[in-house]
Amino acid sequence: MERSREILKKHWGHESFRPLQEEIVDGIIYGHDTLAILPTGGGKSVCFQVPAMALDGITLVVSPLIALMQDQVDQLTSKGIKAQLITSTLSYREIDIALDNCRFGGVKFLYTSPERLKSDLFLERFKEMPVSLIVVDEAHCISEWGHDFRPAYREISTIREMHPEVPVAAFTASATQKTKKDIAEFLALKSPKEYSAPLNRDNLSYHVRASQNKLGSI
């Protein structure tokens, strides 16, 4: 879509998308639930940030990594795009103000952890937000670590009930068939469009050699 390319050019300075990016972006804009498997460094954030800018309202991004969320919020802010990060390091008052900004302050992106979605304050405010897209990053956590690492990942789908018409896009760097099935099931994806990029990296090569002195060979 021409609109997608205009946004990419305006905010990210790129004339064209990488392979698969434009298909993912356009699918999300058209309202499809999405499961995208792109290798690390494959431009996953652009795949949901561009459609988020094309859609009216706010995009919720759920991620397990505070450092990654902070980095994306800083990058968006540097482009003049309003983005908010809510973590456990904030006080109740700070979270209250941030969530109100997301309701009335023209915020385009709200980043938070899956655990934060369970708080009464968040749920109360989220119901009233003009949500246009829900993004789940590192979605493999649902399958591989759902029970013993981040169990809240398996409860993300409950927030869909508040905005049932809003598309959900799940992103991960790799996923087995079982993992993909778990992601679709636990996020309650509706006939999702699935995209998968090759995991081969042309700029990487592997060499295996025998050594009698492993420490000395490093």
N, C-alpha and C. Protein backbone atom coordinates (compact mmCIF):
# COMPACT_ATOMS: atom_id res chain seq x y z
N MET A 1 0.84 -1.20 0.00
CA MET A 1 0.00 0.00 0.00
C MET A 1 0.87 1.25 0.00
N GLU A 2 0.43 2.24 -0.77
CA GLU A 2 1.19 3.47 -0.86
C GLU A 2 1.32 4.16 0.50
N ARG A 3 0.25 4.09 1.29
CA ARG A 3 0.25 4.71 2.61
C ARG A 3 1.36 4.12 3.48
N SER A 4 1.54 2.81 3.44
CA SER A 4 2.57 2.14 4.23
C SER A 4 3.96 2.63 3.85
N ARG A 5 4.19 2.76 2.55
CA ARG A 5 5.50 3.22 2.09
C ARG A 5 5.75 4.67 2.47
N GLU A 6 4.70 5.47 2.45
CA GLU A 6 4.84 6.87 2.86
C GLU A 6 5.25 6.97 4.33
N ILE A 7 4.62 6.16 5.17
CA ILE A 7 4.95 6.16 6.59
C ILE A 7 6.37 5.67 6.81
N LEU A 8 6.75 4.61 6.10
CA LEU A 8 8.11 4.07 6.21
C LEU A 8 9.14 5.13 5.84
N LYS A 9 8.87 5.85 4.76
CA LYS A 9 9.79 6.89 4.30
C LYS A 9 9.85 8.05 5.29
N LYS A 10 8.68 8.49 5.76
CA LYS A 10 8.61 9.67 6.63
C LYS A 10 9.29 9.43 7.97
N HIS A 11 9.01 8.30 8.62
CA HIS A 11 9.48 8.09 9.99
C HIS A 11 10.74 7.24 10.09
N TRP A 12 11.00 6.38 9.09
CA TRP A 12 12.17 5.50 9.18
C TRP A 12 13.19 5.79 8.09
N GLY A 13 12.83 6.61 7.13
CA GLY A 13 13.79 7.03 6.11
C GLY A 13 14.11 5.99 5.06
N HIS A 14 13.29 4.94 4.95
CA HIS A 14 13.55 3.88 3.97
C HIS A 14 12.60 4.01 2.79
N GLU A 15 13.11 3.76 1.61
CA GLU A 15 12.29 3.84 0.40
C GLU A 15 11.43 2.60 0.20
N SER A 16 11.89 1.46 0.70
CA SER A 16 11.15 0.21 0.48
C SER A 16 11.31 -0.70 1.68
N PHE A 17 10.42 -1.69 1.75
CA PHE A 17 10.44 -2.67 2.83
C PHE A 17 11.40 -3.81 2.52
N ARG A 18 11.82 -4.52 3.54
CA ARG A 18 12.54 -5.77 3.35
C ARG A 18 11.56 -6.85 2.93
N PRO A 19 12.07 -7.99 2.43
CA PRO A 19 11.17 -9.09 2.07
C PRO A 19 10.23 -9.47 3.21
N LEU A 20 8.97 -9.66 2.89
CA LEU A 20 7.90 -10.06 3.80
C LEU A 20 7.33 -8.91 4.63
N GLN A 21 8.12 -7.86 4.85
CA GLN A 21 7.64 -6.79 5.72
C GLN A 21 6.36 -6.15 5.20
N GLU A 22 6.33 -5.84 3.91
CA GLU A 22 5.17 -5.14 3.37
C GLU A 22 3.92 -6.01 3.43
N GLU A 23 4.07 -7.31 3.17
CA GLU A 23 2.91 -8.21 3.26
C GLU A 23 2.36 -8.26 4.68
N ILE A 24 3.26 -8.31 5.65
CA ILE A 24 2.83 -8.33 7.05
C ILE A 24 2.14 -7.02 7.41
N VAL A 25 2.75 -5.92 7.05
CA VAL A 25 2.19 -4.59 7.35
C VAL A 25 0.79 -4.46 6.76
N ASP A 26 0.64 -4.80 5.49
CA ASP A 26 -0.65 -4.62 4.83
C ASP A 26 -1.70 -5.57 5.42
N GLY A 27 -1.29 -6.79 5.78
CA GLY A 27 -2.23 -7.72 6.38
C GLY A 27 -2.78 -7.20 7.70
N ILE A 28 -1.90 -6.60 8.50
CA ILE A 28 -2.34 -6.03 9.79
C ILE A 28 -3.27 -4.85 9.56
N ILE A 29 -2.92 -3.98 8.60
CA ILE A 29 -3.76 -2.83 8.31
C ILE A 29 -5.16 -3.26 7.87
N TYR A 30 -5.23 -4.36 7.13
CA TYR A 30 -6.52 -4.87 6.68
C TYR A 30 -7.29 -5.58 7.78
N GLY A 31 -6.69 -5.69 8.99
CA GLY A 31 -7.41 -6.22 10.13
C GLY A 31 -7.24 -7.69 10.39
N HIS A 32 -6.25 -8.33 9.76
CA HIS A 32 -6.04 -9.76 9.95
C HIS A 32 -5.21 -10.04 11.21
N ASP A 33 -5.60 -11.04 11.97
CA ASP A 33 -4.71 -11.56 12.99
C ASP A 33 -3.48 -12.13 12.29
N THR A 34 -2.33 -12.01 12.95
CA THR A 34 -1.06 -12.30 12.26
C THR A 34 -0.11 -13.08 13.15
N LEU A 35 0.56 -14.05 12.56
CA LEU A 35 1.67 -14.74 13.21
C LEU A 35 2.87 -14.62 12.29
N ALA A 36 3.88 -13.87 12.72
CA ALA A 36 5.05 -13.60 11.89
C ALA A 36 6.31 -14.14 12.55
N ILE A 37 7.05 -14.93 11.80
CA ILE A 37 8.30 -15.51 12.29
C ILE A 37 9.44 -14.91 11.47
N LEU A 38 10.16 -14.00 12.10
CA LEU A 38 11.25 -13.30 11.43
C LEU A 38 12.51 -13.42 12.28
N PRO A 39 13.65 -13.71 11.68
CA PRO A 39 14.88 -13.87 12.48
C PRO A 39 15.27 -12.58 13.17
N THR A 40 16.05 -12.69 14.22
CA THR A 40 16.56 -11.52 14.93
C THR A 40 17.28 -10.60 13.94
N GLY A 41 16.94 -9.33 13.98
CA GLY A 41 17.51 -8.39 13.02
C GLY A 41 16.73 -8.31 11.73
N GLY A 42 15.60 -9.02 11.67
CA GLY A 42 14.81 -9.05 10.44
C GLY A 42 13.79 -7.94 10.32
N GLY A 43 13.78 -7.02 11.28
CA GLY A 43 12.89 -5.87 11.18
C GLY A 43 11.48 -6.13 11.67
N LYS A 44 11.35 -6.88 12.76
CA LYS A 44 10.02 -7.19 13.29
C LYS A 44 9.29 -5.92 13.76
N SER A 45 10.02 -5.01 14.42
CA SER A 45 9.35 -3.83 14.98
C SER A 45 8.69 -2.98 13.90
N VAL A 46 9.33 -2.84 12.76
CA VAL A 46 8.76 -2.06 11.66
C VAL A 46 7.43 -2.68 11.20
N CYS A 47 7.34 -4.01 11.29
CA CYS A 47 6.15 -4.72 10.81
C CYS A 47 4.91 -4.38 11.61
N PHE A 48 5.07 -3.95 12.86
CA PHE A 48 3.88 -3.52 13.60
C PHE A 48 3.86 -2.01 13.86
N GLN A 49 5.03 -1.37 13.82
CA GLN A 49 5.03 0.08 14.06
C GLN A 49 4.47 0.85 12.87
N VAL A 50 4.74 0.40 11.66
CA VAL A 50 4.20 1.08 10.49
C VAL A 50 2.67 0.99 10.44
N PRO A 51 2.08 -0.21 10.56
CA PRO A 51 0.61 -0.25 10.56
C PRO A 51 -0.01 0.49 11.74
N ALA A 52 0.70 0.49 12.87
CA ALA A 52 0.20 1.25 14.03
C ALA A 52 0.07 2.72 13.69
N MET A 53 1.01 3.25 12.92
CA MET A 53 0.95 4.65 12.52
C MET A 53 -0.14 4.90 11.47
N ALA A 54 -0.49 3.86 10.72
CA ALA A 54 -1.52 4.00 9.69
C ALA A 54 -2.92 3.91 10.29
N LEU A 55 -3.06 3.25 11.42
CA LEU A 55 -4.36 3.04 12.05
C LEU A 55 -4.66 4.15 13.06
N ASP A 56 -5.92 4.45 13.23
CA ASP A 56 -6.32 5.39 14.27
C ASP A 56 -6.23 4.70 15.63
N GLY A 57 -5.92 5.45 16.66
CA GLY A 57 -5.90 4.88 18.00
C GLY A 57 -4.52 4.43 18.43
N ILE A 58 -4.50 3.66 19.51
CA ILE A 58 -3.25 3.27 20.17
C ILE A 58 -2.95 1.79 19.94
N THR A 59 -1.68 1.46 19.86
CA THR A 59 -1.23 0.07 19.74
C THR A 59 -0.61 -0.37 21.05
N LEU A 60 -1.09 -1.48 21.59
CA LEU A 60 -0.52 -2.09 22.79
C LEU A 60 0.53 -3.10 22.36
N VAL A 61 1.75 -2.97 22.91
CA VAL A 61 2.83 -3.90 22.62
C VAL A 61 3.20 -4.62 23.91
N VAL A 62 3.06 -5.93 23.91
CA VAL A 62 3.37 -6.75 25.08
C VAL A 62 4.70 -7.46 24.83
N SER A 63 5.65 -7.28 25.76
CA SER A 63 6.98 -7.85 25.61
C SER A 63 7.53 -8.24 26.97
N PRO A 64 8.40 -9.26 27.03
CA PRO A 64 8.96 -9.67 28.32
C PRO A 64 10.23 -8.91 28.70
N LEU A 65 10.75 -8.10 27.78
CA LEU A 65 12.08 -7.52 27.97
C LEU A 65 12.00 -6.00 28.14
N ILE A 66 12.27 -5.52 29.36
CA ILE A 66 12.19 -4.09 29.64
C ILE A 66 13.19 -3.32 28.79
N ALA A 67 14.41 -3.82 28.67
CA ALA A 67 15.44 -3.11 27.91
C ALA A 67 15.03 -2.95 26.45
N LEU A 68 14.45 -3.99 25.87
CA LEU A 68 14.00 -3.91 24.49
C LEU A 68 12.86 -2.91 24.34
N MET A 69 11.91 -2.95 25.27
CA MET A 69 10.80 -2.00 25.22
C MET A 69 11.30 -0.57 25.36
N GLN A 70 12.22 -0.34 26.30
CA GLN A 70 12.75 1.00 26.51
C GLN A 70 13.46 1.51 25.26
N ASP A 71 14.21 0.62 24.61
CA ASP A 71 14.92 1.00 23.40
C ASP A 71 13.94 1.42 22.30
N GLN A 72 12.86 0.66 22.14
CA GLN A 72 11.88 1.00 21.10
C GLN A 72 11.13 2.28 21.43
N VAL A 73 10.80 2.47 22.71
CA VAL A 73 10.13 3.71 23.11
C VAL A 73 11.04 4.90 22.85
N ASP A 74 12.33 4.77 23.19
CA ASP A 74 13.27 5.86 22.95
C ASP A 74 13.38 6.19 21.45
N GLN A 75 13.42 5.15 20.62
CA GLN A 75 13.53 5.37 19.18
C GLN A 75 12.28 6.05 18.63
N LEU A 76 11.11 5.60 19.07
CA LEU A 76 9.87 6.23 18.61
C LEU A 76 9.79 7.68 19.06
N THR A 77 10.15 7.93 20.31
CA THR A 77 10.11 9.29 20.85
C THR A 77 11.05 10.21 20.08
N SER A 78 12.20 9.68 19.70
CA SER A 78 13.17 10.48 18.94
C SER A 78 12.64 10.87 17.56
N LYS A 79 11.64 10.11 17.08
CA LYS A 79 11.02 10.42 15.79
C LYS A 79 9.78 11.31 15.96
N GLY A 80 9.53 11.74 17.18
CA GLY A 80 8.38 12.58 17.43
C GLY A 80 7.08 11.82 17.57
N ILE A 81 7.16 10.53 17.81
CA ILE A 81 5.99 9.68 17.97
C ILE A 81 5.77 9.43 19.46
N LYS A 82 4.56 9.66 19.94
CA LYS A 82 4.27 9.49 21.36
C LYS A 82 4.20 8.02 21.73
N ALA A 83 5.08 7.59 22.63
CA ALA A 83 5.11 6.20 23.09
C ALA A 83 5.28 6.20 24.61
N GLN A 84 4.61 5.27 25.25
CA GLN A 84 4.61 5.18 26.72
C GLN A 84 5.04 3.78 27.14
N LEU A 85 5.87 3.71 28.17
CA LEU A 85 6.32 2.42 28.73
C LEU A 85 5.86 2.32 30.18
N ILE A 86 5.21 1.21 30.50
CA ILE A 86 4.76 0.97 31.87
C ILE A 86 5.43 -0.29 32.40
N THR A 87 6.20 -0.14 33.48
CA THR A 87 6.87 -1.27 34.11
C THR A 87 6.67 -1.21 35.62
N SER A 88 7.15 -2.24 36.29
CA SER A 88 7.01 -2.32 37.75
C SER A 88 7.88 -1.30 38.47
N THR A 89 8.78 -0.63 37.75
CA THR A 89 9.65 0.37 38.37
C THR A 89 8.90 1.69 38.63
N LEU A 90 7.73 1.86 38.00
CA LEU A 90 6.96 3.08 38.17
C LEU A 90 6.07 2.99 39.42
N SER A 91 5.82 4.12 40.03
CA SER A 91 4.90 4.16 41.16
C SER A 91 3.46 4.05 40.67
N TYR A 92 2.55 3.80 41.60
CA TYR A 92 1.13 3.70 41.24
C TYR A 92 0.66 5.00 40.58
N ARG A 93 1.07 6.13 41.14
CA ARG A 93 0.68 7.43 40.60
C ARG A 93 1.21 7.62 39.18
N GLU A 94 2.47 7.24 38.95
CA GLU A 94 3.06 7.37 37.62
C GLU A 94 2.33 6.50 36.60
N ILE A 95 1.98 5.28 37.03
CA ILE A 95 1.24 4.38 36.13
C ILE A 95 -0.14 4.95 35.83
N ASP A 96 -0.78 5.50 36.86
CA ASP A 96 -2.11 6.10 36.70
C ASP A 96 -2.07 7.23 35.67
N ILE A 97 -1.08 8.09 35.78
CA ILE A 97 -0.94 9.21 34.84
C ILE A 97 -0.65 8.70 33.44
N ALA A 98 0.24 7.72 33.34
CA ALA A 98 0.61 7.17 32.03
C ALA A 98 -0.60 6.56 31.32
N LEU A 99 -1.40 5.82 32.07
CA LEU A 99 -2.58 5.19 31.47
C LEU A 99 -3.62 6.23 31.06
N ASP A 100 -3.75 7.29 31.84
CA ASP A 100 -4.66 8.36 31.45
C ASP A 100 -4.16 9.05 30.18
N ASN A 101 -2.85 9.20 30.04
CA ASN A 101 -2.30 9.77 28.82
C ASN A 101 -2.65 8.90 27.61
N CYS A 102 -2.67 7.58 27.83
CA CYS A 102 -3.00 6.65 26.74
C CYS A 102 -4.47 6.74 26.36
N ARG A 103 -5.29 7.16 27.30
CA ARG A 103 -6.72 7.33 27.01
C ARG A 103 -7.01 8.65 26.30
N PHE A 104 -6.30 9.71 26.69
CA PHE A 104 -6.66 11.04 26.22
C PHE A 104 -5.51 11.83 25.61
N GLY A 105 -4.27 11.33 25.73
CA GLY A 105 -3.13 12.15 25.36
C GLY A 105 -2.55 11.93 23.99
N GLY A 106 -3.23 11.22 23.11
CA GLY A 106 -2.73 11.02 21.76
C GLY A 106 -1.54 10.09 21.67
N VAL A 107 -1.36 9.22 22.66
CA VAL A 107 -0.26 8.25 22.63
C VAL A 107 -0.52 7.21 21.55
N LYS A 108 0.49 6.89 20.74
CA LYS A 108 0.33 5.91 19.66
C LYS A 108 0.76 4.51 20.08
N PHE A 109 1.70 4.41 21.03
CA PHE A 109 2.21 3.11 21.45
C PHE A 109 2.25 3.01 22.97
N LEU A 110 1.74 1.91 23.48
CA LEU A 110 1.86 1.60 24.90
C LEU A 110 2.58 0.27 25.03
N TYR A 111 3.76 0.31 25.63
CA TYR A 111 4.57 -0.90 25.84
C TYR A 111 4.44 -1.34 27.30
N THR A 112 4.26 -2.64 27.50
CA THR A 112 4.21 -3.16 28.86
C THR A 112 4.46 -4.66 28.86
N SER A 113 4.58 -5.23 30.05
CA SER A 113 4.84 -6.66 30.20
C SER A 113 3.53 -7.43 30.31
N PRO A 114 3.54 -8.74 30.09
CA PRO A 114 2.29 -9.51 30.22
C PRO A 114 1.75 -9.51 31.64
N GLU A 115 2.64 -9.42 32.64
CA GLU A 115 2.18 -9.39 34.03
C GLU A 115 1.36 -8.14 34.33
N ARG A 116 1.71 -7.02 33.70
CA ARG A 116 1.02 -5.76 33.96
C ARG A 116 -0.43 -5.82 33.48
N LEU A 117 -0.72 -6.68 32.52
CA LEU A 117 -2.07 -6.78 31.98
C LEU A 117 -3.07 -7.32 33.00
N LYS A 118 -2.56 -7.88 34.09
CA LYS A 118 -3.44 -8.51 35.08
C LYS A 118 -3.87 -7.53 36.18
N SER A 119 -3.29 -6.35 36.21
CA SER A 119 -3.62 -5.42 37.29
C SER A 119 -4.98 -4.77 37.05
N ASP A 120 -5.71 -4.54 38.13
CA ASP A 120 -7.04 -3.94 38.02
C ASP A 120 -6.97 -2.54 37.40
N LEU A 121 -5.95 -1.78 37.78
CA LEU A 121 -5.82 -0.42 37.25
C LEU A 121 -5.65 -0.46 35.74
N PHE A 122 -4.77 -1.34 35.25
CA PHE A 122 -4.54 -1.43 33.81
C PHE A 122 -5.83 -1.84 33.09
N LEU A 123 -6.49 -2.87 33.58
CA LEU A 123 -7.69 -3.37 32.92
C LEU A 123 -8.79 -2.32 32.87
N GLU A 124 -8.92 -1.56 33.96
CA GLU A 124 -9.93 -0.51 34.00
C GLU A 124 -9.69 0.54 32.94
N ARG A 125 -8.43 0.96 32.78
CA ARG A 125 -8.09 1.99 31.80
C ARG A 125 -8.10 1.42 30.37
N PHE A 126 -7.64 0.19 30.23
CA PHE A 126 -7.53 -0.41 28.89
C PHE A 126 -8.90 -0.51 28.22
N LYS A 127 -9.93 -0.78 29.00
CA LYS A 127 -11.28 -0.86 28.46
C LYS A 127 -11.67 0.43 27.74
N GLU A 128 -11.14 1.55 28.21
CA GLU A 128 -11.56 2.86 27.70
C GLU A 128 -10.59 3.43 26.67
N MET A 129 -9.53 2.69 26.36
CA MET A 129 -8.56 3.18 25.38
C MET A 129 -9.06 2.94 23.95
N PRO A 130 -8.74 3.85 23.03
CA PRO A 130 -9.09 3.66 21.62
C PRO A 130 -8.08 2.73 20.94
N VAL A 131 -8.14 1.45 21.25
CA VAL A 131 -7.14 0.49 20.80
C VAL A 131 -7.36 0.11 19.34
N SER A 132 -6.28 0.11 18.56
CA SER A 132 -6.37 -0.26 17.15
C SER A 132 -5.61 -1.55 16.83
N LEU A 133 -4.68 -1.94 17.70
CA LEU A 133 -3.86 -3.12 17.44
C LEU A 133 -3.25 -3.62 18.74
N ILE A 134 -3.18 -4.95 18.88
CA ILE A 134 -2.49 -5.58 20.01
C ILE A 134 -1.34 -6.41 19.45
N VAL A 135 -0.14 -6.15 19.94
CA VAL A 135 1.06 -6.84 19.46
C VAL A 135 1.65 -7.65 20.60
N VAL A 136 2.01 -8.90 20.31
CA VAL A 136 2.68 -9.75 21.29
C VAL A 136 4.06 -10.09 20.74
N ASP A 137 5.09 -9.55 21.36
CA ASP A 137 6.47 -9.81 20.94
C ASP A 137 7.02 -11.00 21.73
N GLU A 138 8.04 -11.64 21.16
CA GLU A 138 8.62 -12.84 21.78
C GLU A 138 7.52 -13.86 22.11
N ALA A 139 6.64 -14.08 21.14
CA ALA A 139 5.44 -14.88 21.37
C ALA A 139 5.75 -16.35 21.67
N HIS A 140 6.96 -16.80 21.38
CA HIS A 140 7.31 -18.20 21.69
C HIS A 140 7.27 -18.48 23.19
N CYS A 141 7.32 -17.42 24.00
CA CYS A 141 7.25 -17.61 25.46
C CYS A 141 5.95 -18.32 25.85
N ILE A 142 4.92 -18.16 25.07
CA ILE A 142 3.64 -18.81 25.35
C ILE A 142 3.80 -20.31 25.39
N SER A 143 4.60 -20.83 24.49
CA SER A 143 4.74 -22.28 24.36
C SER A 143 5.89 -22.84 25.17
N GLU A 144 7.07 -22.30 24.96
CA GLU A 144 8.27 -22.91 25.53
C GLU A 144 8.43 -22.63 27.02
N TRP A 145 8.02 -21.43 27.46
CA TRP A 145 8.26 -21.06 28.85
C TRP A 145 6.97 -20.63 29.56
N GLY A 146 5.83 -20.94 28.93
CA GLY A 146 4.58 -20.42 29.45
C GLY A 146 4.31 -20.75 30.90
N HIS A 147 4.66 -21.96 31.34
CA HIS A 147 4.28 -22.37 32.68
C HIS A 147 5.32 -21.99 33.75
N ASP A 148 6.60 -22.05 33.39
CA ASP A 148 7.60 -21.88 34.44
C ASP A 148 8.43 -20.61 34.30
N PHE A 149 8.26 -19.87 33.22
CA PHE A 149 9.07 -18.66 33.06
C PHE A 149 8.19 -17.40 33.13
N ARG A 150 7.26 -17.25 32.20
CA ARG A 150 6.35 -16.12 32.18
C ARG A 150 4.92 -16.63 32.00
N PRO A 151 4.35 -17.22 33.04
CA PRO A 151 3.00 -17.80 32.91
C PRO A 151 1.95 -16.81 32.47
N ALA A 152 2.17 -15.51 32.71
CA ALA A 152 1.19 -14.49 32.31
C ALA A 152 1.01 -14.44 30.80
N TYR A 153 1.99 -14.95 30.05
CA TYR A 153 1.86 -14.97 28.59
C TYR A 153 0.63 -15.75 28.15
N ARG A 154 0.28 -16.78 28.91
CA ARG A 154 -0.86 -17.61 28.52
C ARG A 154 -2.20 -16.99 28.88
N GLU A 155 -2.17 -15.81 29.48
CA GLU A 155 -3.41 -15.15 29.86
C GLU A 155 -3.64 -13.85 29.07
N ILE A 156 -2.76 -13.58 28.11
CA ILE A 156 -2.88 -12.35 27.33
C ILE A 156 -4.21 -12.27 26.59
N SER A 157 -4.69 -13.41 26.13
CA SER A 157 -5.89 -13.40 25.29
C SER A 157 -7.11 -12.84 26.01
N THR A 158 -7.08 -12.80 27.35
CA THR A 158 -8.25 -12.30 28.08
C THR A 158 -8.54 -10.84 27.77
N ILE A 159 -7.50 -10.08 27.41
CA ILE A 159 -7.75 -8.67 27.12
C ILE A 159 -8.45 -8.47 25.78
N ARG A 160 -8.46 -9.52 24.94
CA ARG A 160 -9.17 -9.41 23.66
C ARG A 160 -10.67 -9.21 23.89
N GLU A 161 -11.15 -9.72 25.00
CA GLU A 161 -12.59 -9.62 25.27
C GLU A 161 -13.03 -8.16 25.40
N MET A 162 -12.10 -7.28 25.76
CA MET A 162 -12.43 -5.86 25.91
C MET A 162 -12.48 -5.14 24.56
N HIS A 163 -11.71 -5.65 23.61
CA HIS A 163 -11.67 -5.06 22.26
C HIS A 163 -11.68 -6.20 21.24
N PRO A 164 -12.77 -6.93 21.13
CA PRO A 164 -12.80 -8.14 20.30
C PRO A 164 -12.59 -7.89 18.81
N GLU A 165 -12.83 -6.67 18.37
CA GLU A 165 -12.69 -6.38 16.94
C GLU A 165 -11.26 -6.00 16.55
N VAL A 166 -10.39 -5.83 17.53
CA VAL A 166 -9.02 -5.36 17.28
C VAL A 166 -8.12 -6.54 16.87
N PRO A 167 -7.36 -6.41 15.80
CA PRO A 167 -6.47 -7.50 15.38
C PRO A 167 -5.31 -7.70 16.36
N VAL A 168 -4.83 -8.93 16.42
CA VAL A 168 -3.68 -9.28 17.25
C VAL A 168 -2.56 -9.78 16.34
N ALA A 169 -1.36 -9.27 16.55
CA ALA A 169 -0.20 -9.68 15.77
C ALA A 169 0.86 -10.25 16.70
N ALA A 170 1.27 -11.49 16.46
CA ALA A 170 2.27 -12.16 17.28
C ALA A 170 3.56 -12.29 16.49
N PHE A 171 4.68 -11.97 17.16
CA PHE A 171 5.99 -12.00 16.50
C PHE A 171 6.96 -12.84 17.31
N THR A 172 7.81 -13.57 16.61
CA THR A 172 8.87 -14.32 17.26
C THR A 172 9.97 -14.58 16.24
N ALA A 173 11.16 -14.92 16.73
CA ALA A 173 12.29 -15.15 15.83
C ALA A 173 12.32 -16.58 15.31
N SER A 174 11.74 -17.51 16.06
CA SER A 174 11.71 -18.91 15.61
C SER A 174 10.57 -19.62 16.33
N ALA A 175 10.04 -20.65 15.68
CA ALA A 175 8.94 -21.40 16.28
C ALA A 175 8.76 -22.74 15.58
N THR A 176 8.65 -23.80 16.36
CA THR A 176 8.33 -25.12 15.81
C THR A 176 6.84 -25.15 15.47
N GLN A 177 6.41 -26.23 14.84
CA GLN A 177 4.99 -26.37 14.54
C GLN A 177 4.16 -26.36 15.81
N LYS A 178 4.65 -27.02 16.86
CA LYS A 178 3.92 -27.04 18.12
C LYS A 178 3.84 -25.64 18.72
N THR A 179 4.96 -24.90 18.64
CA THR A 179 4.97 -23.54 19.18
C THR A 179 3.98 -22.66 18.44
N LYS A 180 3.94 -22.77 17.12
CA LYS A 180 2.99 -21.98 16.33
C LYS A 180 1.55 -22.33 16.71
N LYS A 181 1.30 -23.60 16.91
CA LYS A 181 -0.04 -24.02 17.31
C LYS A 181 -0.41 -23.45 18.68
N ASP A 182 0.54 -23.49 19.62
CA ASP A 182 0.29 -22.95 20.95
C ASP A 182 0.04 -21.44 20.90
N ILE A 183 0.82 -20.73 20.10
CA ILE A 183 0.65 -19.28 19.99
C ILE A 183 -0.76 -18.94 19.48
N ALA A 184 -1.16 -19.63 18.42
CA ALA A 184 -2.48 -19.37 17.85
C ALA A 184 -3.58 -19.71 18.84
N GLU A 185 -3.39 -20.80 19.59
CA GLU A 185 -4.42 -21.24 20.53
C GLU A 185 -4.52 -20.30 21.73
N PHE A 186 -3.39 -20.01 22.37
CA PHE A 186 -3.42 -19.25 23.62
C PHE A 186 -3.67 -17.76 23.40
N LEU A 187 -3.41 -17.27 22.19
CA LEU A 187 -3.74 -15.88 21.89
C LEU A 187 -5.11 -15.75 21.23
N ALA A 188 -5.77 -16.89 21.04
CA ALA A 188 -7.10 -16.91 20.42
C ALA A 188 -7.09 -16.20 19.07
N LEU A 189 -6.05 -16.48 18.26
CA LEU A 189 -5.96 -15.85 16.96
C LEU A 189 -7.07 -16.36 16.05
N LYS A 190 -7.64 -15.44 15.28
CA LYS A 190 -8.77 -15.76 14.41
C LYS A 190 -8.30 -15.88 12.96
N SER A 191 -8.24 -17.10 12.46
CA SER A 191 -7.80 -17.35 11.08
C SER A 191 -6.57 -16.52 10.75
N PRO A 192 -5.48 -16.67 11.51
CA PRO A 192 -4.33 -15.77 11.34
C PRO A 192 -3.61 -15.95 10.01
N LYS A 193 -3.13 -14.85 9.49
CA LYS A 193 -2.21 -14.89 8.37
C LYS A 193 -0.83 -15.24 8.92
N GLU A 194 -0.19 -16.23 8.34
CA GLU A 194 1.12 -16.67 8.85
C GLU A 194 2.22 -16.34 7.86
N TYR A 195 3.29 -15.77 8.40
CA TYR A 195 4.44 -15.40 7.58
C TYR A 195 5.69 -15.97 8.23
N SER A 196 6.57 -16.52 7.42
CA SER A 196 7.80 -17.11 7.96
C SER A 196 8.95 -16.83 7.03
N ALA A 197 9.96 -16.14 7.53
CA ALA A 197 11.14 -15.81 6.73
C ALA A 197 12.20 -16.89 6.93
N PRO A 198 13.03 -17.14 5.93
CA PRO A 198 14.12 -18.12 6.08
C PRO A 198 15.05 -17.72 7.23
N LEU A 199 15.52 -18.73 7.96
CA LEU A 199 16.39 -18.45 9.09
C LEU A 199 17.86 -18.37 8.70
N ASN A 200 18.16 -18.73 7.46
CA ASN A 200 19.55 -18.66 7.01
C ASN A 200 20.03 -17.22 6.96
N ARG A 201 21.24 -16.99 7.44
CA ARG A 201 21.82 -15.64 7.43
C ARG A 201 23.05 -15.65 6.52
N ASP A 202 22.96 -14.89 5.42
CA ASP A 202 24.05 -14.89 4.44
C ASP A 202 25.35 -14.35 5.01
N ASN A 203 25.26 -13.53 6.05
CA ASN A 203 26.47 -12.91 6.60
C ASN A 203 27.09 -13.72 7.73
N LEU A 204 26.58 -14.93 7.96
CA LEU A 204 27.12 -15.80 8.99
C LEU A 204 27.61 -17.11 8.39
N SER A 205 28.71 -17.62 8.91
CA SER A 205 29.20 -18.93 8.47
C SER A 205 29.69 -19.70 9.69
N TYR A 206 29.68 -21.01 9.61
CA TYR A 206 30.05 -21.86 10.73
C TYR A 206 31.17 -22.79 10.31
N HIS A 207 32.14 -22.94 11.21
CA HIS A 207 33.25 -23.85 10.96
C HIS A 207 33.43 -24.75 12.18
N VAL A 208 33.60 -26.03 11.95
CA VAL A 208 33.80 -26.99 13.03
C VAL A 208 35.15 -27.66 12.84
N ARG A 209 35.94 -27.69 13.90
CA ARG A 209 37.24 -28.33 13.80
C ARG A 209 37.59 -29.02 15.11
N ALA A 210 38.33 -30.10 15.00
CA ALA A 210 38.78 -30.83 16.19
C ALA A 210 39.98 -30.12 16.80
N SER A 211 40.09 -30.20 18.12
CA SER A 211 41.20 -29.53 18.80
C SER A 211 41.58 -30.32 20.04
N GLN A 212 42.87 -30.48 20.24
CA GLN A 212 43.36 -31.15 21.43
C GLN A 212 43.47 -30.19 22.60
N ASN A 213 43.56 -28.91 22.30
CA ASN A 213 43.72 -27.89 23.32
C ASN A 213 42.63 -26.82 23.10
N LYS A 214 41.45 -27.06 23.69
CA LYS A 214 40.31 -26.19 23.40
C LYS A 214 40.54 -24.76 23.89
N LEU A 215 41.11 -24.61 25.09
CA LEU A 215 41.35 -23.27 25.60
C LEU A 215 42.36 -22.53 24.76
N GLY A 216 43.38 -23.23 24.30
CA GLY A 216 44.40 -22.59 23.49
C GLY A 216 43.94 -22.26 22.10
N SER A 217 42.85 -22.85 21.65
CA SER A 217 42.35 -22.61 20.30
C SER A 217 41.41 -21.43 20.23
N ILE A 218 41.00 -20.89 21.39
CA ILE A 218 40.05 -19.78 21.38
C ILE A 218 40.68 -18.52 20.83
